[in-house]
Amino acid sequence: MPTSIYHIRKTSLGLKRKYRISADDGSGKPGKSLGYAEKQLKVSDELDIYGDEGRSEKLVTVRESSKGWLAALTGYEAFDHEGRLLGSFGVLPKKSVDRTTWEFEQPGLGRLTGTERSVATARARRLLTLLDAVGEIAGALVKYHFDFVREGFGREGELVFSIDKPKVFDDWYRLTVHVDAVDRQLLFALAVTMEARQRG
């Protein structure tokens, strides 16, 4: 099955971060606009994704979760505009000693594990984060690449999607999807949350 590529670009810094979500234009660059996200940096960690920058239609809301396996790893749940659960994700602390590791769960697709490909990059990003309270330096200076693979179901280790930051000094993130069953709105919510946290 052919891969699908999407792009997320952070368009503002500070206490309210804004993101533009786009499809690929066929040449590896952002094309048609698919959504717009806003992330407030506050104690209550919540993220909203809209259909456009006019915020006329809310597509997804992401909130911190205190239930089940998510409670132990600062997990998040994503809901559609009608309040239905799309899926959940969070960092796995015990598996993130050398490289940050995320858990992603979507009904019908199962759980995926996303691991940072480079140990050296992970350590550099963490070192910068210690010196930078809001994560902007780490986010700007360090590239990263996370591969999300299946757990169990007879296809363990299958690459489902990847999220990477290809350049330094460029808040552009590329999402490469290899399995069409991945919910795109849930994927966009994960990618924006990962960027906004810039931790671990």
C-alpha atoms as a PDB file:
ATOM      1  CA  MET A   1       0.000   0.000   0.000  1.00  0.00           C
ATOM      2  CA  PRO A   2       1.416   3.448  -0.871  1.00  0.00           C
ATOM      3  CA  THR A   3       2.410   5.746   1.964  1.00  0.00           C
ATOM      4  CA  SER A   4       0.632   9.005   2.800  1.00  0.00           C
ATOM      5  CA  ILE A   5       2.533  12.100   3.913  1.00  0.00           C
ATOM      6  CA  TYR A   6       1.302  15.040   5.983  1.00  0.00           C
ATOM      7  CA  HIS A   7       2.930  18.149   7.398  1.00  0.00           C
ATOM      8  CA  ILE A   8       2.605  20.162  10.599  1.00  0.00           C
ATOM      9  CA  ARG A   9       4.201  23.576  10.959  1.00  0.00           C
ATOM     10  CA  LYS A  10       4.319  25.552  14.192  1.00  0.00           C
ATOM     11  CA  THR A  11       3.433  29.146  13.337  1.00  0.00           C
ATOM     12  CA  SER A  12       3.746  30.862  16.725  1.00  0.00           C
ATOM     13  CA  LEU A  13       5.640  30.549  20.011  1.00  0.00           C
ATOM     14  CA  GLY A  14       4.975  31.712  23.561  1.00  0.00           C
ATOM     15  CA  LEU A  15       1.985  30.939  25.761  1.00  0.00           C
ATOM     16  CA  LYS A  16      -0.289  30.092  22.817  1.00  0.00           C
ATOM     17  CA  ARG A  17       1.299  27.888  20.183  1.00  0.00           C
ATOM     18  CA  LYS A  18      -0.398  27.582  16.818  1.00  0.00           C
ATOM     19  CA  TYR A  19       0.022  24.878  14.187  1.00  0.00           C
ATOM     20  CA  ARG A  20      -0.985  24.513  10.547  1.00  0.00           C
ATOM     21  CA  ILE A  21      -1.742  20.963   9.340  1.00  0.00           C
ATOM     22  CA  SER A  22      -1.403  20.192   5.623  1.00  0.00           C
ATOM     23  CA  ALA A  23      -1.462  17.360   3.120  1.00  0.00           C
ATOM     24  CA  ASP A  24       1.632  16.733   1.008  1.00  0.00           C
ATOM     25  CA  ASP A  25       1.698  18.505  -2.364  1.00  0.00           C
ATOM     26  CA  GLY A  26       3.313  15.536  -4.102  1.00  0.00           C
ATOM     27  CA  SER A  27       6.819  16.964  -4.008  1.00  0.00           C
ATOM     28  CA  GLY A  28       7.480  16.621  -0.296  1.00  0.00           C
ATOM     29  CA  LYS A  29       6.156  20.046   0.691  1.00  0.00           C
ATOM     30  CA  PRO A  30       2.990  21.217   2.498  1.00  0.00           C
ATOM     31  CA  GLY A  31       0.002  21.525   0.174  1.00  0.00           C
ATOM     32  CA  LYS A  32      -3.743  21.589   0.885  1.00  0.00           C
ATOM     33  CA  SER A  33      -4.665  22.793   4.367  1.00  0.00           C
ATOM     34  CA  LEU A  34      -6.325  20.122   6.518  1.00  0.00           C
ATOM     35  CA  GLY A  35      -6.547  21.775   9.906  1.00  0.00           C
ATOM     36  CA  TYR A  36      -5.340  24.234  12.470  1.00  0.00           C
ATOM     37  CA  ALA A  37      -4.352  23.569  16.097  1.00  0.00           C
ATOM     38  CA  GLU A  38      -3.956  25.738  19.165  1.00  0.00           C
ATOM     39  CA  LYS A  39      -2.136  24.711  22.328  1.00  0.00           C
ATOM     40  CA  GLN A  40      -2.289  26.823  25.485  1.00  0.00           C
ATOM     41  CA  LEU A  41       0.719  26.408  27.785  1.00  0.00           C
ATOM     42  CA  LYS A  42      -1.071  26.157  31.097  1.00  0.00           C
ATOM     43  CA  VAL A  43      -1.563  23.794  34.010  1.00  0.00           C
ATOM     44  CA  SER A  44      -4.588  22.160  32.379  1.00  0.00           C
ATOM     45  CA  ASP A  45      -2.974  20.484  29.384  1.00  0.00           C
ATOM     46  CA  GLU A  46      -5.541  20.712  26.576  1.00  0.00           C
ATOM     47  CA  LEU A  47      -5.262  20.930  22.803  1.00  0.00           C
ATOM     48  CA  ASP A  48      -7.884  21.750  20.168  1.00  0.00           C
ATOM     49  CA  ILE A  49      -7.746  21.043  16.434  1.00  0.00           C
ATOM     50  CA  TYR A  50     -10.033  22.983  14.085  1.00  0.00           C
ATOM     51  CA  GLY A  51     -10.941  22.627  10.426  1.00  0.00           C
ATOM     52  CA  ASP A  52      -9.354  26.001   9.608  1.00  0.00           C
ATOM     53  CA  GLU A  53      -7.756  29.057  11.173  1.00  0.00           C
ATOM     54  CA  GLY A  54     -11.159  30.698  11.523  1.00  0.00           C
ATOM     55  CA  ARG A  55     -11.937  28.030  14.148  1.00  0.00           C
ATOM     56  CA  SER A  56     -15.445  27.605  12.740  1.00  0.00           C
ATOM     57  CA  GLU A  57     -15.417  23.823  13.286  1.00  0.00           C
ATOM     58  CA  LYS A  58     -13.688  21.984  16.117  1.00  0.00           C
ATOM     59  CA  LEU A  59     -12.494  18.553  14.990  1.00  0.00           C
ATOM     60  CA  VAL A  60     -10.558  17.150  17.952  1.00  0.00           C
ATOM     61  CA  THR A  61     -10.005  17.925  21.627  1.00  0.00           C
ATOM     62  CA  VAL A  62      -7.103  16.377  23.527  1.00  0.00           C
ATOM     63  CA  ARG A  63      -7.110  16.213  27.333  1.00  0.00           C
ATOM     64  CA  GLU A  64      -4.894  14.715  30.002  1.00  0.00           C
ATOM     65  CA  SER A  65      -6.217  11.405  31.307  1.00  0.00           C
ATOM     66  CA  SER A  66      -6.127   9.984  34.807  1.00  0.00           C
ATOM     67  CA  LYS A  67      -7.639   6.609  33.922  1.00  0.00           C
ATOM     68  CA  GLY A  68      -6.129   3.168  33.487  1.00  0.00           C
ATOM     69  CA  TRP A  69      -2.658   2.725  32.026  1.00  0.00           C
ATOM     70  CA  LEU A  70      -2.598   6.376  30.944  1.00  0.00           C
ATOM     71  CA  ALA A  71      -2.543   7.650  34.519  1.00  0.00           C
ATOM     72  CA  ALA A  72       0.983   6.360  35.135  1.00  0.00           C
ATOM     73  CA  LEU A  73       2.517   8.071  32.130  1.00  0.00           C
ATOM     74  CA  THR A  74       0.925  11.510  31.782  1.00  0.00           C
ATOM     75  CA  GLY A  75      -1.307  10.149  29.090  1.00  0.00           C
ATOM     76  CA  TYR A  76      -3.790  11.902  26.833  1.00  0.00           C
ATOM     77  CA  GLU A  77      -7.151  11.062  25.309  1.00  0.00           C
ATOM     78  CA  ALA A  78      -8.455  12.514  22.051  1.00  0.00           C
ATOM     79  CA  PHE A  79     -12.156  13.093  21.358  1.00  0.00           C
ATOM     80  CA  ASP A  80     -13.996  14.053  18.169  1.00  0.00           C
ATOM     81  CA  HIS A  81     -16.411  17.010  17.893  1.00  0.00           C
ATOM     82  CA  GLU A  82     -19.233  14.890  19.331  1.00  0.00           C
ATOM     83  CA  GLY A  83     -17.208  13.801  22.335  1.00  0.00           C
ATOM     84  CA  ARG A  84     -16.484  10.273  21.119  1.00  0.00           C
ATOM     85  CA  LEU A  85     -13.121   8.787  22.020  1.00  0.00           C
ATOM     86  CA  LEU A  86     -10.763   8.550  19.035  1.00  0.00           C
ATOM     87  CA  GLY A  87      -7.848   7.036  20.943  1.00  0.00           C
ATOM     88  CA  SER A  88      -5.112   7.746  23.467  1.00  0.00           C
ATOM     89  CA  PHE A  89      -1.363   8.170  23.781  1.00  0.00           C
ATOM     90  CA  GLY A  90       1.359   8.947  26.317  1.00  0.00           C
ATOM     91  CA  VAL A  91       5.033   8.603  27.211  1.00  0.00           C
ATOM     92  CA  LEU A  92       6.311   5.346  28.738  1.00  0.00           C
ATOM     93  CA  PRO A  93       8.774   6.452  31.468  1.00  0.00           C
ATOM     94  CA  LYS A  94      10.395   3.049  32.096  1.00  0.00           C
ATOM     95  CA  LYS A  95      11.142   2.590  28.393  1.00  0.00           C
ATOM     96  CA  SER A  96      12.376   6.160  27.938  1.00  0.00           C
ATOM     97  CA  VAL A  97      15.689   5.910  29.782  1.00  0.00           C
ATOM     98  CA  ASP A  98      17.800   6.175  26.624  1.00  0.00           C
ATOM     99  CA  ARG A  99      15.217   7.145  24.020  1.00  0.00           C
ATOM    100  CA  THR A 100      11.805   8.694  24.521  1.00  0.00           C
ATOM    101  CA  THR A 101       9.103   6.085  23.920  1.00  0.00           C
ATOM    102  CA  TRP A 102       5.408   6.793  23.313  1.00  0.00           C
ATOM    103  CA  GLU A 103       2.397   4.483  23.458  1.00  0.00           C
ATOM    104  CA  PHE A 104      -0.405   5.064  20.926  1.00  0.00           C
ATOM    105  CA  GLU A 105      -3.731   3.251  21.074  1.00  0.00           C
ATOM    106  CA  GLN A 106      -6.568   3.396  18.546  1.00  0.00           C
ATOM    107  CA  PRO A 107      -9.698   1.223  18.766  1.00  0.00           C
ATOM    108  CA  GLY A 108      -9.542  -1.450  16.081  1.00  0.00           C
ATOM    109  CA  LEU A 109      -5.862  -0.853  15.418  1.00  0.00           C
ATOM    110  CA  GLY A 110      -4.461  -1.820  18.805  1.00  0.00           C
ATOM    111  CA  ARG A 111      -1.448  -0.399  20.608  1.00  0.00           C
ATOM    112  CA  LEU A 112       1.631   0.955  18.895  1.00  0.00           C
ATOM    113  CA  THR A 113       5.005   1.801  20.400  1.00  0.00           C
ATOM    114  CA  GLY A 114       6.839   4.851  19.094  1.00  0.00           C
ATOM    115  CA  THR A 115      10.569   5.014  19.793  1.00  0.00           C
ATOM    116  CA  GLU A 116      13.025   7.759  18.957  1.00  0.00           C
ATOM    117  CA  ARG A 117      15.365   6.327  16.353  1.00  0.00           C
ATOM    118  CA  SER A 118      18.611   7.977  17.530  1.00  0.00           C
ATOM    119  CA  VAL A 119      19.958   7.646  21.074  1.00  0.00           C
ATOM    120  CA  ALA A 120      22.411  10.500  20.459  1.00  0.00           C
ATOM    121  CA  THR A 121      19.636  12.838  19.315  1.00  0.00           C
ATOM    122  CA  ALA A 122      17.472  11.930  22.297  1.00  0.00           C
ATOM    123  CA  ARG A 123      20.281  12.713  24.743  1.00  0.00           C
ATOM    124  CA  ALA A 124      21.090  16.037  23.047  1.00  0.00           C
ATOM    125  CA  ARG A 125      17.456  17.127  23.167  1.00  0.00           C
ATOM    126  CA  ARG A 126      17.168  16.240  26.854  1.00  0.00           C
ATOM    127  CA  LEU A 127      20.338  18.125  27.713  1.00  0.00           C
ATOM    128  CA  LEU A 128      19.030  21.254  25.995  1.00  0.00           C
ATOM    129  CA  THR A 129      15.648  20.870  27.684  1.00  0.00           C
ATOM    130  CA  LEU A 130      17.303  21.008  31.121  1.00  0.00           C
ATOM    131  CA  LEU A 131      18.565  24.495  30.243  1.00  0.00           C
ATOM    132  CA  ASP A 132      15.338  25.666  28.622  1.00  0.00           C
ATOM    133  CA  ALA A 133      12.126  25.911  30.660  1.00  0.00           C
ATOM    134  CA  VAL A 134       9.738  26.106  27.681  1.00  0.00           C
ATOM    135  CA  GLY A 135      11.519  23.770  25.299  1.00  0.00           C
ATOM    136  CA  GLU A 136      11.943  26.252  22.444  1.00  0.00           C
ATOM    137  CA  ILE A 137      15.726  25.800  22.198  1.00  0.00           C
ATOM    138  CA  ALA A 138      15.499  22.008  22.184  1.00  0.00           C
ATOM    139  CA  GLY A 139      12.698  22.169  19.648  1.00  0.00           C
ATOM    140  CA  ALA A 140      14.654  24.425  17.303  1.00  0.00           C
ATOM    141  CA  LEU A 141      18.144  22.922  17.495  1.00  0.00           C
ATOM    142  CA  VAL A 142      17.514  19.188  17.470  1.00  0.00           C
ATOM    143  CA  LYS A 143      16.007  16.993  14.781  1.00  0.00           C
ATOM    144  CA  TYR A 144      14.084  13.875  15.766  1.00  0.00           C
ATOM    145  CA  HIS A 145      12.502  10.791  14.240  1.00  0.00           C
ATOM    146  CA  PHE A 146       9.959   8.499  15.932  1.00  0.00           C
ATOM    147  CA  ASP A 147       8.886   5.176  14.406  1.00  0.00           C
ATOM    148  CA  PHE A 148       5.580   3.694  15.623  1.00  0.00           C
ATOM    149  CA  VAL A 149       5.277  -0.091  15.295  1.00  0.00           C
ATOM    150  CA  ARG A 150       2.640  -2.656  16.160  1.00  0.00           C
ATOM    151  CA  GLU A 151       2.547  -4.694  19.352  1.00  0.00           C
ATOM    152  CA  GLY A 152       1.254  -8.250  19.111  1.00  0.00           C
ATOM    153  CA  PHE A 153      -1.627  -9.304  16.812  1.00  0.00           C
ATOM    154  CA  GLY A 154       0.771 -11.518  14.829  1.00  0.00           C
ATOM    155  CA  ARG A 155       2.354  -8.494  13.116  1.00  0.00           C
ATOM    156  CA  GLU A 156       4.572  -7.234  15.908  1.00  0.00           C
ATOM    157  CA  GLY A 157       7.241  -4.836  14.725  1.00  0.00           C
ATOM    158  CA  GLU A 158       5.347  -3.696  11.599  1.00  0.00           C
ATOM    159  CA  LEU A 159       6.015  -0.007  10.919  1.00  0.00           C
ATOM    160  CA  VAL A 160       2.669   1.832  10.967  1.00  0.00           C
ATOM    161  CA  PHE A 161       3.708   5.494  10.853  1.00  0.00           C
ATOM    162  CA  SER A 162       6.620   7.835  11.561  1.00  0.00           C
ATOM    163  CA  ILE A 163       6.877  11.388  12.864  1.00  0.00           C
ATOM    164  CA  ASP A 164      10.060  13.306  12.170  1.00  0.00           C
ATOM    165  CA  LYS A 165      11.521  16.804  12.328  1.00  0.00           C
ATOM    166  CA  PRO A 166      13.891  16.864   9.335  1.00  0.00           C
ATOM    167  CA  LYS A 167      15.601  20.224   9.879  1.00  0.00           C
ATOM    168  CA  VAL A 168      17.052  22.412  12.597  1.00  0.00           C
ATOM    169  CA  PHE A 169      15.767  25.973  12.982  1.00  0.00           C
ATOM    170  CA  ASP A 170      12.565  24.976  11.198  1.00  0.00           C
ATOM    171  CA  ASP A 171       9.410  24.079  13.139  1.00  0.00           C
ATOM    172  CA  TRP A 172       8.217  21.700  10.431  1.00  0.00           C
ATOM    173  CA  TYR A 173       7.182  18.117  11.180  1.00  0.00           C
ATOM    174  CA  ARG A 174       6.534  15.368   8.630  1.00  0.00           C
ATOM    175  CA  LEU A 175       4.112  12.490   9.238  1.00  0.00           C
ATOM    176  CA  THR A 176       4.523   9.385   7.079  1.00  0.00           C
ATOM    177  CA  VAL A 177       1.684   6.846   7.265  1.00  0.00           C
ATOM    178  CA  HIS A 178       2.213   3.269   6.037  1.00  0.00           C
ATOM    179  CA  VAL A 179      -1.088   1.734   7.241  1.00  0.00           C
ATOM    180  CA  ASP A 180      -4.258   3.415   6.007  1.00  0.00           C
ATOM    181  CA  ALA A 181      -6.315   2.372   9.073  1.00  0.00           C
ATOM    182  CA  VAL A 182      -4.610   5.025  11.219  1.00  0.00           C
ATOM    183  CA  ASP A 183      -7.097   7.741  12.179  1.00  0.00           C
ATOM    184  CA  ARG A 184      -5.608  10.915  10.721  1.00  0.00           C
ATOM    185  CA  GLN A 185      -7.156  13.261  13.268  1.00  0.00           C
ATOM    186  CA  LEU A 186      -5.787  11.140  16.106  1.00  0.00           C
ATOM    187  CA  LEU A 187      -2.383  11.142  14.418  1.00  0.00           C
ATOM    188  CA  PHE A 188      -2.414  14.932  14.061  1.00  0.00           C
ATOM    189  CA  ALA A 189      -3.347  15.248  17.741  1.00  0.00           C
ATOM    190  CA  LEU A 190      -0.418  13.028  18.709  1.00  0.00           C
ATOM    191  CA  ALA A 191       2.089  14.911  16.553  1.00  0.00           C
ATOM    192  CA  VAL A 192       1.100  18.331  17.900  1.00  0.00           C
ATOM    193  CA  THR A 193       1.135  17.051  21.492  1.00  0.00           C
ATOM    194  CA  MET A 194       4.608  15.577  21.024  1.00  0.00           C
ATOM    195  CA  GLU A 195       5.930  18.877  19.710  1.00  0.00           C
ATOM    196  CA  ALA A 196       4.240  20.923  22.419  1.00  0.00           C
ATOM    197  CA  ARG A 197       5.659  18.793  25.235  1.00  0.00           C
ATOM    198  CA  GLN A 198       9.280  18.685  23.995  1.00  0.00           C
ATOM    199  CA  ARG A 199      10.186  16.736  27.085  1.00  0.00           C
ATOM    200  CA  GLY A 200      12.035  13.523  27.859  1.00  0.00           C
END
